[in-house]
Protein backbone atom coordinates (compact mmCIF):
# COMPACT_ATOMS: atom_id res chain seq x y z
CA MET A 1 124.22 135.54 157.23
CA GLY A 2 123.96 138.41 158.90
CA SER A 3 124.13 138.41 163.20
CA LEU A 4 121.98 135.93 165.17
CA SER A 5 121.50 139.14 167.70
CA SER A 6 120.38 141.57 164.24
CA ARG A 7 118.08 138.84 163.06
CA ARG A 8 116.44 138.08 167.03
CA ALA A 9 115.46 142.02 167.15
CA GLY A 10 113.39 141.73 164.24
CA GLY A 11 115.92 141.43 160.76
CA SER A 12 116.81 145.65 161.49
CA ALA A 13 120.31 144.63 159.73
CA ARG A 14 119.84 144.92 155.81
CA GLU A 15 123.83 142.97 155.31
CA ILE A 16 124.03 140.13 152.85
CA PRO A 17 123.89 136.92 154.71
CA VAL A 18 126.23 134.62 154.88
CA SER A 19 125.73 130.91 154.92
CA PRO A 20 127.87 128.96 157.63
CA ARG A 21 127.96 126.12 154.48
CA ASP A 22 129.57 128.97 152.54
CA HIS A 23 133.02 129.40 155.41
CA GLY A 24 131.46 132.68 156.11
CA LEU A 25 132.56 134.99 153.30
CA ALA A 26 130.14 135.75 150.69
CA GLY A 27 130.22 134.35 147.43
CA THR A 28 132.80 131.34 148.84
CA PRO A 29 132.30 128.23 147.40
CA SER A 30 130.89 125.64 149.51
CA ALA A 31 133.58 123.32 150.99
CA THR A 32 131.46 120.07 148.75
CA PRO A 33 129.60 119.78 146.37
CA ARG A 34 125.80 119.06 147.04
CA TRP A 35 124.56 115.48 146.16
CA PHE A 36 122.49 117.29 142.94
CA SER A 37 125.45 118.46 140.96
CA PRO A 38 126.00 120.10 137.66
CA VAL A 39 127.05 117.17 136.33
CA ARG A 40 123.80 114.87 137.37
CA ARG A 41 121.75 118.19 136.29
CA ARG A 42 123.24 118.32 132.62
CA ARG A 43 122.48 114.48 132.29
CA LEU A 44 119.32 115.06 133.15
CA GLY A 45 119.09 118.18 131.07
CA VAL A 46 119.88 116.33 127.87
CA ARG A 47 117.68 113.70 128.92
CA LEU A 48 114.70 116.58 129.55
CA ALA A 49 115.75 117.95 126.32
CA ILE A 50 114.99 115.14 124.28
CA ALA A 51 111.26 114.69 125.91
CA THR A 52 110.71 118.41 125.63
CA ALA A 53 111.46 118.17 121.61
CA VAL A 54 109.02 115.20 121.06
CA ALA A 55 106.11 117.14 123.20
CA LEU A 56 104.61 120.19 123.42
CA SER A 57 106.70 122.93 124.33
CA VAL A 58 107.90 126.99 124.06
CA ALA A 59 110.99 128.17 125.58
CA CYS A 60 110.04 131.31 128.11
CA SER A 61 111.95 134.26 127.88
CA SER A 62 113.09 136.21 130.79
CA GLY A 63 110.93 138.66 130.12
CA GLY A 64 107.56 139.66 129.98
CA PRO A 65 104.48 137.19 129.24
CA THR A 66 104.99 134.86 126.09
CA PRO A 67 101.73 133.81 123.97
CA PRO A 68 100.17 130.82 125.49
CA PRO A 69 101.30 127.34 124.08
CA PRO A 70 98.64 125.86 121.11
CA PRO A 71 95.48 124.30 122.19
CA PRO A 72 96.22 120.77 123.47
CA PRO A 73 95.79 117.74 120.60
CA GLY A 74 92.87 116.75 119.13
CA GLY A 75 93.58 113.00 120.37
CA GLY A 76 95.95 110.45 120.28
CA GLU A 77 98.80 111.92 122.32
CA THR A 78 101.07 109.62 124.99
CA ASP A 79 100.05 110.70 128.97
CA ALA A 80 104.03 112.10 128.89
CA GLU A 81 102.79 114.08 126.43
CA PHE A 82 99.92 115.24 128.09
CA LEU A 83 101.51 115.68 131.56
CA HIS A 84 104.26 117.91 129.90
CA ASP A 85 101.43 120.04 127.93
CA VAL A 86 99.80 120.78 131.66
CA GLN A 87 103.46 121.05 133.52
CA THR A 88 104.36 123.56 130.42
CA ARG A 89 101.07 125.83 131.05
CA THR A 90 101.09 125.35 134.79
CA PHE A 91 104.51 126.32 135.04
CA ARG A 92 103.92 129.89 132.99
CA PHE A 93 101.40 130.49 135.54
CA PHE A 94 104.04 131.35 137.86
CA TRP A 95 106.47 132.29 135.49
CA GLU A 96 104.66 134.97 133.99
CA THR A 97 102.31 135.98 136.25
CA THR A 98 104.73 136.89 139.15
CA ASN A 99 106.18 140.41 139.75
CA ALA A 100 109.29 139.92 138.78
CA ALA A 101 110.52 143.24 140.83
CA ASN A 102 109.67 141.67 143.99
CA GLY A 103 109.15 137.80 143.17
CA LEU A 104 105.83 137.88 144.64
CA VAL A 105 103.19 135.45 143.20
CA PRO A 106 99.25 136.45 142.81
CA ASP A 107 97.15 134.52 145.19
CA ARG A 108 94.57 133.76 141.88
CA TRP A 109 94.58 135.57 138.18
CA PRO A 110 93.47 136.95 136.48
CA THR A 111 91.02 138.31 139.00
CA PRO A 112 93.19 140.93 140.73
CA SER A 113 94.76 139.90 143.93
CA PHE A 114 96.97 140.07 146.41
CA SER A 115 99.83 137.87 147.14
CA SER A 116 99.65 134.62 148.73
CA ILE A 117 103.47 133.81 150.70
CA ALA A 118 102.24 129.97 150.10
CA ALA A 119 102.06 130.39 146.22
CA VAL A 120 105.60 132.03 146.51
CA GLY A 121 107.03 129.04 148.00
CA PHE A 122 105.31 126.75 145.18
CA GLY A 123 106.87 129.57 142.66
CA LEU A 124 110.27 128.84 143.47
CA THR A 125 110.52 125.50 143.14
CA ALA A 126 108.72 125.59 140.49
CA TYR A 127 111.10 127.82 138.37
CA LEU A 128 113.85 124.85 138.99
CA VAL A 129 111.52 122.12 137.30
CA GLY A 130 111.34 125.69 134.44
CA VAL A 131 115.30 124.75 134.27
CA GLU A 132 115.19 121.17 134.10
CA ARG A 133 112.73 120.87 131.22
CA GLY A 134 114.01 123.93 129.09
CA TRP A 135 110.93 126.61 130.11
CA THR A 136 113.90 128.83 131.39
CA THR A 137 117.50 129.58 131.20
CA ARG A 138 119.68 129.04 134.71
CA ALA A 139 120.48 132.25 134.68
CA ALA A 140 116.91 133.98 134.44
CA ALA A 141 115.48 131.70 136.95
CA ARG A 142 118.98 131.97 139.09
CA ASP A 143 118.38 136.19 138.82
CA ARG A 144 114.06 135.74 139.73
CA VAL A 145 114.89 133.26 142.79
CA LEU A 146 117.32 136.04 144.13
CA THR A 147 115.21 138.90 143.93
CA THR A 148 113.12 137.10 145.77
CA LEU A 149 115.21 136.08 148.77
CA ARG A 150 116.17 138.96 148.92
CA PHE A 151 112.89 140.85 149.19
CA PHE A 152 112.07 138.56 151.84
CA TRP A 153 115.26 139.65 153.60
CA ASN A 154 115.24 143.02 153.95
CA ALA A 155 111.60 143.62 153.82
CA PRO A 156 110.10 145.19 157.11
CA HIS A 157 109.85 142.80 159.46
CA ASN A 158 108.69 143.93 163.38
CA GLU A 159 105.79 144.13 165.47
CA GLN A 160 103.87 146.60 163.55
CA ALA A 161 100.21 146.17 162.53
CA THR A 162 100.91 147.96 158.50
CA GLN A 163 103.83 148.60 156.40
CA VAL A 164 105.32 145.57 157.47
CA THR A 165 105.96 141.99 155.77
CA GLY A 166 106.81 139.73 158.73
CA TYR A 167 107.57 139.22 162.67
CA ARG A 168 109.96 137.07 164.49
CA GLY A 169 111.07 135.29 160.73
CA PHE A 170 107.39 134.54 160.40
CA TYR A 171 105.48 136.42 156.71
CA TYR A 172 102.05 138.04 156.58
CA HIS A 173 99.75 134.83 154.87
CA PHE A 174 98.76 137.84 152.06
CA LEU A 175 100.84 140.66 150.87
CA ASP A 176 100.20 143.26 148.15
CA MET A 177 101.95 142.78 145.38
CA GLN A 178 103.62 145.84 144.65
CA THR A 179 104.47 146.84 148.09
CA GLY A 180 105.01 143.61 149.71
CA HIS A 181 103.44 144.93 152.89
CA ARG A 182 100.74 142.94 155.20
CA PHE A 183 97.18 142.85 153.18
CA GLN A 184 94.44 144.38 155.26
CA GLN A 185 94.44 142.44 158.60
CA VAL A 186 95.39 138.84 157.70
CA GLU A 187 97.19 136.83 160.15
CA LEU A 188 101.02 136.33 160.79
CA SER A 189 101.23 132.58 159.18
CA THR A 190 102.73 129.84 160.18
CA ILE A 191 101.61 127.38 157.85
CA ASP A 192 102.02 129.58 155.03
CA THR A 193 105.72 130.51 156.24
CA GLY A 194 106.62 126.88 156.34
CA LEU A 195 105.15 126.48 152.52
CA LEU A 196 107.63 129.61 151.39
CA LEU A 197 110.28 128.32 153.35
CA MET A 198 110.16 124.92 151.70
CA GLY A 199 110.75 126.78 148.13
CA VAL A 200 113.38 128.64 149.90
CA LEU A 201 115.26 125.22 150.90
CA ALA A 202 114.60 123.74 147.80
CA ALA A 203 115.99 126.88 145.69
CA GLN A 204 118.97 126.59 148.18
CA GLU A 205 119.73 122.93 147.21
CA TYR A 206 119.39 123.32 143.75
CA PHE A 207 121.24 126.57 143.38
CA ASP A 208 124.56 124.72 144.27
CA GLU A 209 126.95 126.51 141.98
CA PRO A 210 130.38 128.73 143.26
CA ASP A 211 129.42 131.88 141.49
CA PRO A 212 128.38 134.85 143.65
CA ALA A 213 124.83 134.84 142.41
CA GLU A 214 124.42 131.05 143.77
CA SER A 215 126.23 131.54 146.96
CA GLU A 216 124.17 134.58 147.84
CA ILE A 217 120.96 132.60 146.98
CA ARG A 218 122.42 129.85 149.78
CA ALA A 219 123.53 132.49 152.07
CA LEU A 220 120.06 134.33 151.72
CA ALA A 221 118.33 130.74 152.34
CA ASP A 222 119.86 129.86 155.87
CA SER A 223 119.37 133.22 156.99
CA ILE A 224 115.64 133.49 155.82
CA TYR A 225 115.23 130.13 157.61
CA PHE A 226 117.76 130.65 161.02
CA ARG A 227 115.57 133.67 161.71
CA VAL A 228 112.04 131.96 161.81
CA ASP A 229 111.25 131.22 166.13
CA TRP A 230 109.73 128.28 166.29
CA GLN A 231 109.67 128.35 170.15
CA TRP A 232 107.76 132.01 170.20
CA ALA A 233 104.96 130.41 167.90
CA SER A 234 104.83 127.25 170.25
CA VAL A 235 102.12 129.64 172.52
CA ARG A 236 101.15 126.11 173.92
CA PRO A 237 104.18 124.14 173.90
CA PRO A 238 105.23 121.84 172.26
CA ALA A 239 102.27 122.71 169.57
CA ILE A 240 102.59 125.26 166.68
CA SER A 241 100.20 127.86 166.94
CA MET A 242 98.17 128.54 163.33
CA GLY A 243 98.77 132.16 163.50
CA TRP A 244 99.15 135.41 165.04
CA HIS A 245 97.46 139.09 165.17
CA PRO A 246 99.68 142.58 166.16
CA GLU A 247 96.08 143.21 166.71
CA THR A 248 94.88 140.12 169.10
CA GLY A 249 97.97 137.95 169.62
CA PHE A 250 97.81 133.93 168.86
CA ILE A 251 94.84 132.60 167.18
CA VAL A 252 93.57 130.18 169.74
CA HIS A 253 94.32 127.01 167.86
CA ASP A 254 97.07 125.07 167.18
CA TYR A 255 98.19 122.33 164.12
CA ASP A 256 97.15 119.19 165.68
CA GLY A 257 95.69 116.03 163.88
CA TYR A 258 96.94 114.62 160.76
CA ASN A 259 96.94 117.37 157.92
CA GLU A 260 99.56 118.86 155.78
CA ALA A 261 101.30 120.20 158.76
CA MET A 262 103.64 117.26 159.01
CA PHE A 263 106.33 119.51 156.81
CA LEU A 264 105.47 122.17 159.26
CA TYR A 265 107.25 120.15 162.09
CA VAL A 266 109.61 118.60 159.91
CA LEU A 267 110.79 122.70 159.51
CA ALA A 268 110.39 123.46 163.15
CA LEU A 269 112.19 120.56 164.50
CA GLY A 270 115.24 120.95 161.88
CA SER A 271 115.86 124.47 163.10
CA PRO A 272 119.66 125.24 163.94
CA THR A 273 118.38 128.47 165.90
CA HIS A 274 114.84 128.03 167.40
CA ALA A 275 114.04 124.06 167.33
CA LEU A 276 111.25 122.52 169.02
CA PRO A 277 112.08 119.72 171.02
CA PRO A 278 111.21 116.51 169.59
CA GLU A 279 108.22 115.80 171.66
CA ALA A 280 106.39 118.47 169.73
CA TRP A 281 105.84 115.47 166.93
CA THR A 282 105.02 113.18 169.09
CA GLU A 283 102.22 115.52 170.62
CA PHE A 284 101.10 115.71 166.66
CA THR A 285 101.12 111.94 165.68
CA SER A 286 98.81 111.27 168.83
CA THR A 287 95.90 113.71 167.76
CA TYR A 288 95.52 111.76 164.20
CA ARG A 289 92.56 109.92 163.53
CA TRP A 290 93.13 106.23 162.05
CA ALA A 291 90.20 104.89 160.54
CA GLU A 292 88.63 102.90 157.27
CA PHE A 293 87.20 104.79 154.59
CA TYR A 294 85.57 103.09 151.52
CA GLY A 295 87.60 99.83 152.71
CA GLN A 296 90.97 102.18 153.10
CA PRO A 297 92.44 102.10 156.48
CA HIS A 298 94.52 105.13 156.85
CA VAL A 299 94.91 108.14 158.77
CA ASN A 300 91.95 110.48 157.95
CA PHE A 301 91.62 114.00 156.45
CA ALA A 302 89.17 115.21 154.22
CA PRO A 303 90.77 117.37 151.82
CA LEU A 304 93.10 115.94 149.34
CA PHE A 305 95.83 118.51 150.35
CA GLY A 306 96.24 117.46 153.68
CA HIS A 307 97.92 114.34 152.50
CA GLN A 308 99.74 115.97 149.55
CA TYR A 309 101.36 119.17 150.54
CA SER A 310 104.34 117.99 152.63
CA HIS A 311 105.26 115.14 149.94
CA VAL A 312 105.70 117.77 147.54
CA TRP A 313 109.12 118.56 148.88
CA ILE A 314 109.57 115.45 151.04
CA ASP A 315 110.15 112.17 149.95
CA PHE A 316 108.20 110.09 152.62
CA ARG A 317 108.52 106.33 150.92
CA GLY A 318 110.34 103.74 152.78
CA ILE A 319 111.09 106.10 156.13
CA ARG A 320 108.44 105.86 158.77
CA ASP A 321 107.87 107.26 162.26
CA ALA A 322 106.54 105.46 165.10
CA PHE A 323 103.08 106.07 164.28
CA MET A 324 103.54 105.02 161.14
CA SER A 325 105.84 101.85 162.30
CA ALA A 326 103.40 100.71 164.60
CA ARG A 327 100.78 100.12 161.49
CA GLY A 328 103.20 98.54 158.86
CA ILE A 329 102.59 101.21 156.49
CA ASP A 330 104.47 104.58 155.43
CA TYR A 331 103.19 108.36 154.97
CA PHE A 332 103.51 107.83 151.07
CA GLU A 333 101.12 104.71 151.39
CA ASN A 334 98.57 106.47 153.82
CA SER A 335 98.22 109.03 150.93
CA ARG A 336 97.68 106.45 148.67
CA ARG A 337 94.84 104.87 150.61
CA ALA A 338 93.16 108.40 150.87
CA THR A 339 93.41 109.20 147.01
CA LEU A 340 92.02 105.54 146.11
CA ALA A 341 89.31 106.68 148.81
CA GLN A 342 88.10 109.35 147.16
CA ARG A 343 87.74 107.61 143.75
CA ALA A 344 85.93 105.22 145.88
CA TYR A 345 83.60 107.78 147.22
CA ALA A 346 82.76 109.37 144.27
CA VAL A 347 82.27 105.88 142.24
CA ASP A 348 79.95 105.31 144.90
CA ASN A 349 78.38 109.24 144.90
CA PRO A 350 75.82 109.34 147.75
CA ASN A 351 74.74 112.35 146.90
CA GLY A 352 74.26 112.24 143.11
CA TRP A 353 76.03 114.78 141.70
CA GLN A 354 76.30 115.26 138.19
CA GLY A 355 80.08 113.76 136.32
CA TYR A 356 80.27 112.05 139.33
CA GLY A 357 82.33 108.77 139.01
CA PRO A 358 85.63 106.39 138.12
CA THR A 359 87.24 109.17 136.46
CA LEU A 360 86.14 112.57 137.29
CA TRP A 361 86.32 112.65 141.41
CA GLY A 362 88.87 114.80 143.89
CA LEU A 363 87.61 116.97 146.92
CA THR A 364 89.65 119.39 148.81
CA ALA A 365 89.98 122.81 149.11
CA SER A 366 89.46 125.13 146.41
CA ASP A 367 86.89 128.12 144.97
CA GLY A 368 83.44 127.19 144.52
CA PRO A 369 79.68 128.77 142.67
CA GLY A 370 79.27 130.72 146.35
CA ASP A 371 76.93 130.19 148.96
CA PHE A 372 73.60 129.34 148.71
CA THR A 373 70.83 126.87 148.25
CA ALA A 374 69.34 126.15 145.05
CA THR A 375 66.98 123.89 143.33
CA ILE A 376 68.55 122.04 140.79
CA ALA A 377 66.68 119.11 138.87
CA GLY A 378 63.59 119.03 141.50
CA ARG A 379 66.57 118.85 144.34
CA GLU A 380 67.41 121.19 146.60
CA ARG A 381 70.86 122.00 146.90
CA GLN A 382 73.61 123.96 149.37
CA PHE A 383 76.69 125.63 147.32
CA HIS A 384 79.83 126.82 148.72
CA GLY A 385 82.32 129.68 147.40
CA TYR A 386 85.76 129.17 148.60
CA TRP A 387 85.32 125.69 150.95
CA ALA A 388 87.70 123.02 152.41
CA ARG A 389 85.90 120.35 150.47
CA GLY A 390 86.74 116.69 151.10
CA ALA A 391 85.90 113.07 152.20
CA ALA A 392 86.71 111.23 154.98
CA SER A 393 85.13 108.66 157.96
CA GLY A 394 82.89 110.60 159.78
CA GLU A 395 83.12 114.07 157.88
CA ILE A 396 81.79 114.92 154.44
CA ARG A 397 82.58 118.20 152.66
CA ASP A 398 80.90 118.08 148.98
CA ASP A 399 78.80 120.32 147.17
CA GLY A 400 79.17 118.79 143.86
CA THR A 401 82.62 120.85 142.62
CA LEU A 402 85.52 119.00 141.82
CA VAL A 403 89.22 120.21 141.78
CA PRO A 404 92.12 118.90 139.50
CA THR A 405 94.65 120.18 142.24
CA ALA A 406 93.05 117.08 144.04
CA VAL A 407 93.83 114.77 141.15
CA GLY A 408 97.15 116.22 139.72
CA GLY A 409 98.50 116.51 143.48
CA SER A 410 98.05 112.81 144.06
CA ILE A 411 99.38 111.77 140.72
CA PRO A 412 102.27 109.99 142.40
CA PHE A 413 100.35 108.18 145.10
CA ALA A 414 98.47 106.24 142.05
CA PRO A 415 98.85 107.42 138.76
CA GLU A 416 96.91 104.73 137.35
CA ILE A 417 93.90 106.55 138.20
CA THR A 418 95.04 110.24 139.00
CA VAL A 419 96.25 110.63 134.98
CA PRO A 420 92.88 109.28 133.35
CA ALA A 421 91.03 111.71 135.87
CA LEU A 422 92.66 114.33 134.86
CA ARG A 423 92.35 113.94 131.14
CA ALA A 424 88.64 112.90 131.75
CA MET A 425 88.50 116.81 133.51
CA ARG A 426 90.38 118.36 130.09
CA ASP A 427 88.93 116.87 127.78
CA GLY A 428 85.22 115.95 129.13
CA THR A 429 84.25 119.73 129.98
CA GLY A 430 84.17 121.47 126.62
CA GLY A 431 87.31 123.10 126.63
CA ASN A 432 85.80 124.91 129.76
CA LEU A 433 88.00 124.28 132.29
CA TYR A 434 91.48 124.11 130.37
CA ALA A 435 93.01 126.91 129.15
CA GLN A 436 96.23 129.09 129.07
CA TYR A 437 97.92 128.12 132.12
CA GLY A 438 96.52 124.80 132.50
CA PHE A 439 93.35 123.93 134.74
CA LYS A 440 91.63 126.62 136.24
CA ASP A 441 90.56 126.04 139.93
CA ALA A 442 87.70 124.17 139.93
CA PHE A 443 84.27 122.62 137.80
CA ASN A 444 80.66 121.90 138.91
CA LEU A 445 78.54 119.75 136.44
CA THR A 446 75.82 119.89 138.95
CA MET A 447 75.75 123.70 138.65
CA ASN A 448 74.58 124.35 135.26
CA VAL A 449 71.41 126.81 135.56
CA PRO A 450 72.73 129.89 134.33
CA GLY A 451 71.94 133.37 136.83
CA LEU A 452 72.80 131.10 140.26
CA ALA A 453 76.21 131.48 141.18
CA GLN A 454 77.78 134.11 142.68
CA ARG A 455 81.07 134.13 140.87
CA GLY A 456 83.06 132.21 137.75
CA ALA A 457 80.37 131.21 134.91
CA THR A 458 78.20 129.14 133.95
CA VAL A 459 77.91 127.09 130.61
CA PRO A 460 74.19 126.35 130.42
CA GLY A 461 73.88 122.34 130.31
CA ILE A 462 77.08 122.12 131.20
CA GLY A 463 78.19 122.91 134.42
CA TRP A 464 79.77 126.17 136.26
CA PHE A 465 83.43 126.60 135.84
CA ASP A 466 85.95 128.81 138.06
CA VAL A 467 87.56 131.70 135.99
CA ASP A 468 91.09 132.15 137.92
CA TYR A 469 93.73 129.79 138.47
CA LEU A 470 95.00 129.25 142.37
CA GLY A 471 98.92 129.74 143.37
CA ILE A 472 98.51 127.36 145.69
CA ASP A 473 96.43 124.83 143.44
CA GLN A 474 98.46 125.37 140.53
CA GLY A 475 101.90 124.38 142.13
CA PRO A 476 101.05 120.89 143.31
CA ILE A 477 100.14 119.74 140.06
CA LEU A 478 103.04 120.62 138.31
CA LEU A 479 105.28 119.67 141.04
CA MET A 480 103.92 116.41 141.57
CA ILE A 481 104.07 115.03 138.25
CA GLU A 482 107.63 116.19 137.78
CA ASN A 483 108.10 113.87 140.95
CA HIS A 484 106.08 111.33 139.42
CA ARG A 485 108.38 111.75 136.57
CA THR A 486 111.67 112.42 137.63
CA GLY A 487 111.99 112.95 141.32
CA LEU A 488 113.08 115.73 140.82
CA VAL A 489 112.13 117.45 144.06
CA TRP A 490 112.09 114.48 146.32
CA ASP A 491 116.18 114.45 144.77
CA LEU A 492 116.53 117.97 145.90
CA MET A 493 115.26 117.98 149.46
CA ARG A 494 116.72 114.10 150.23
CA GLU A 495 120.03 116.58 150.57
CA ASN A 496 118.79 119.86 152.78
CA GLU A 497 120.77 118.92 156.07
CA HIS A 498 117.75 120.83 157.50
CA ILE A 499 114.84 118.34 156.33
CA VAL A 500 117.24 115.70 157.19
CA ARG A 501 117.68 117.49 160.81
CA GLY A 502 113.77 117.22 161.18
CA LEU A 503 112.54 114.39 160.26
CA CYS A 504 115.64 112.30 162.16
CA ARG A 505 114.63 114.79 165.27
CA ALA A 506 111.20 113.58 164.27
CA GLY A 507 111.91 109.82 164.36
CA PHE A 508 111.77 108.57 161.37
CA THR A 509 114.54 105.29 160.28
CA GLY A 510 114.61 103.11 157.13
CA GLY A 511 114.95 103.79 153.42
CA TRP A 512 116.64 106.97 152.34
CA LEU A 513 117.13 108.28 156.13
CA ALA A 514 119.20 105.27 156.79
CA GLY A 515 122.41 106.04 158.66
CA ARG A 516 121.82 109.66 158.25
CA CYS A 517 120.56 109.99 162.01
CA ASN A 518 123.53 109.81 163.97
C-alpha cells in the first residue's frame, strides 16, 4: 500500500500499494488463507461444471467478443436451465462490452455511452461468477480485475474539474470510456463510488492465492478503499452527502431514509482510515418510513433497487440492527415483503396498465419511452424517459413501464414469484425483450402505437421495448441469481474484514455475525 500521507494528498504516489494483510511486502502470501479457500472453490467449480454441461453454455475467451449463445429453448427447460441461460448472456455483457485496456464498463450498450463506475463494481463481481461457472478462466478474470484496480489507483486524483478521475478517494459518476476522465460535469458520486468499492472488495476476497498478481489485487483493493475520505463527505455530520462538484461544492442532499445506501454506511463505518461514527447508522435509520403496503408491513422505498443493491453483496439473513430487532424481522425479510407488495400492486393494477398481473410486474429506476403525454386506447397517459419508477405507501411512480431487473434482482427474496415472472417477460414479449445479453432494460405494453416514443422501438400491437442494456441493471440480475443458486457473493463478503467491521459498528448482531463483533 502506498504511504497514507501520499493518499491523503490526492493519490499522487504511483508506487504499487501493499496490503497490511500481506505483511507490507508486495507479492508476499497472506498470513492465513481466507475462508473461501481454493479447495472450496475447486469443489464448487466441479459442481458448476456439471451444471454447465447440462445447461446452455459456451465458454468465453479472454480475447474479443464471442458469438452470442443460441436462442433460448422453445420450451420445457427447467428453472435451473432458464436461470443459467439468463446468467450466461448477462455475464457476456460485462465481459464483452468492457474496455479491456482500463476495465471501464459502459453505462449502456449498444448506444454509445460513457462508463458508469457503479457498473464497474457490478462487473468486478460478475467476473468472479464467470470463473465459477466456466465462462472465463481464473487467469483471464484475474488480469481483467488487476487492470481495473490499477487504473482506479493510478488515475488522476485531485480537485481539478477536468482531466481527472476522482478526488479524496471518491470517483466521478461517469467517466470517458477511453481516457477514464470525468464525463462532462457529473458529480463526484458517493453512492456510485460505494458500488465500485463493493466490487473491489469482492474481488479482494476471491483472489486469495499467494502469487504476485493476486497479492497485488488484494493490496490495491485495500489501498483504494483506505483512500476514501468518508469524513470529508460527511459535510452535515453524521450523514453522507450525495456528492460534490468542483464547480459548486457539495450537493445539498444527504443519504437518509431507507434506500440502497445501507451498504454505503457499512463501508463508511468499516473504514480503517476515515471512518464515520456509529451514530451515522443511528441517524440513517431514524429517517426510515415503516408502513403497510398491499398487506405487507415494512420499511417502504418505492423503486425495488433500494431493496436490492445492498443485498447483492451483504447477506442480511439472520442479522439485525436495533431498528429491525424492534420489529422482529431482518432486512432480507423486509425486501421480501417489498417484493410481494409490488406484485400485489401489479395484480390490483389500479391505473389499468396493459399486461400487469401475477407474472408481469416490477417497478424500479429504468429507461422509458420518453417524457410526453399521449392518448392510448382513448385514455390520456403520461410517460417518462429514465425515471425512478416504484410503488410504496404514499408514493406511486408508474407509467406502465416494467423492468426485468426489478424482478431478477429480487429472486433470492421470493423465487416462487420472481422466477415465473422473469420467464413470462422472456416468453410473452414476442422475442423483443430478450436477446444477445439477456434482458434489455425495460418494456411497456401500453405504449403500443408507433411514432410516439422518443427512444427505443415500438412494435405495433405489442408494445414499446428499450434497445439498450444498462450495466447497473444487468448486475443485480446476474449476481442475485447467483446468490439464489449458490450464495457465492454472500459467502465471499461474509469474510471481508471491512464489511464485518462496518456491520458490527452499525450494531448488527446474531446469525453469521455471532461472536465476530468483539
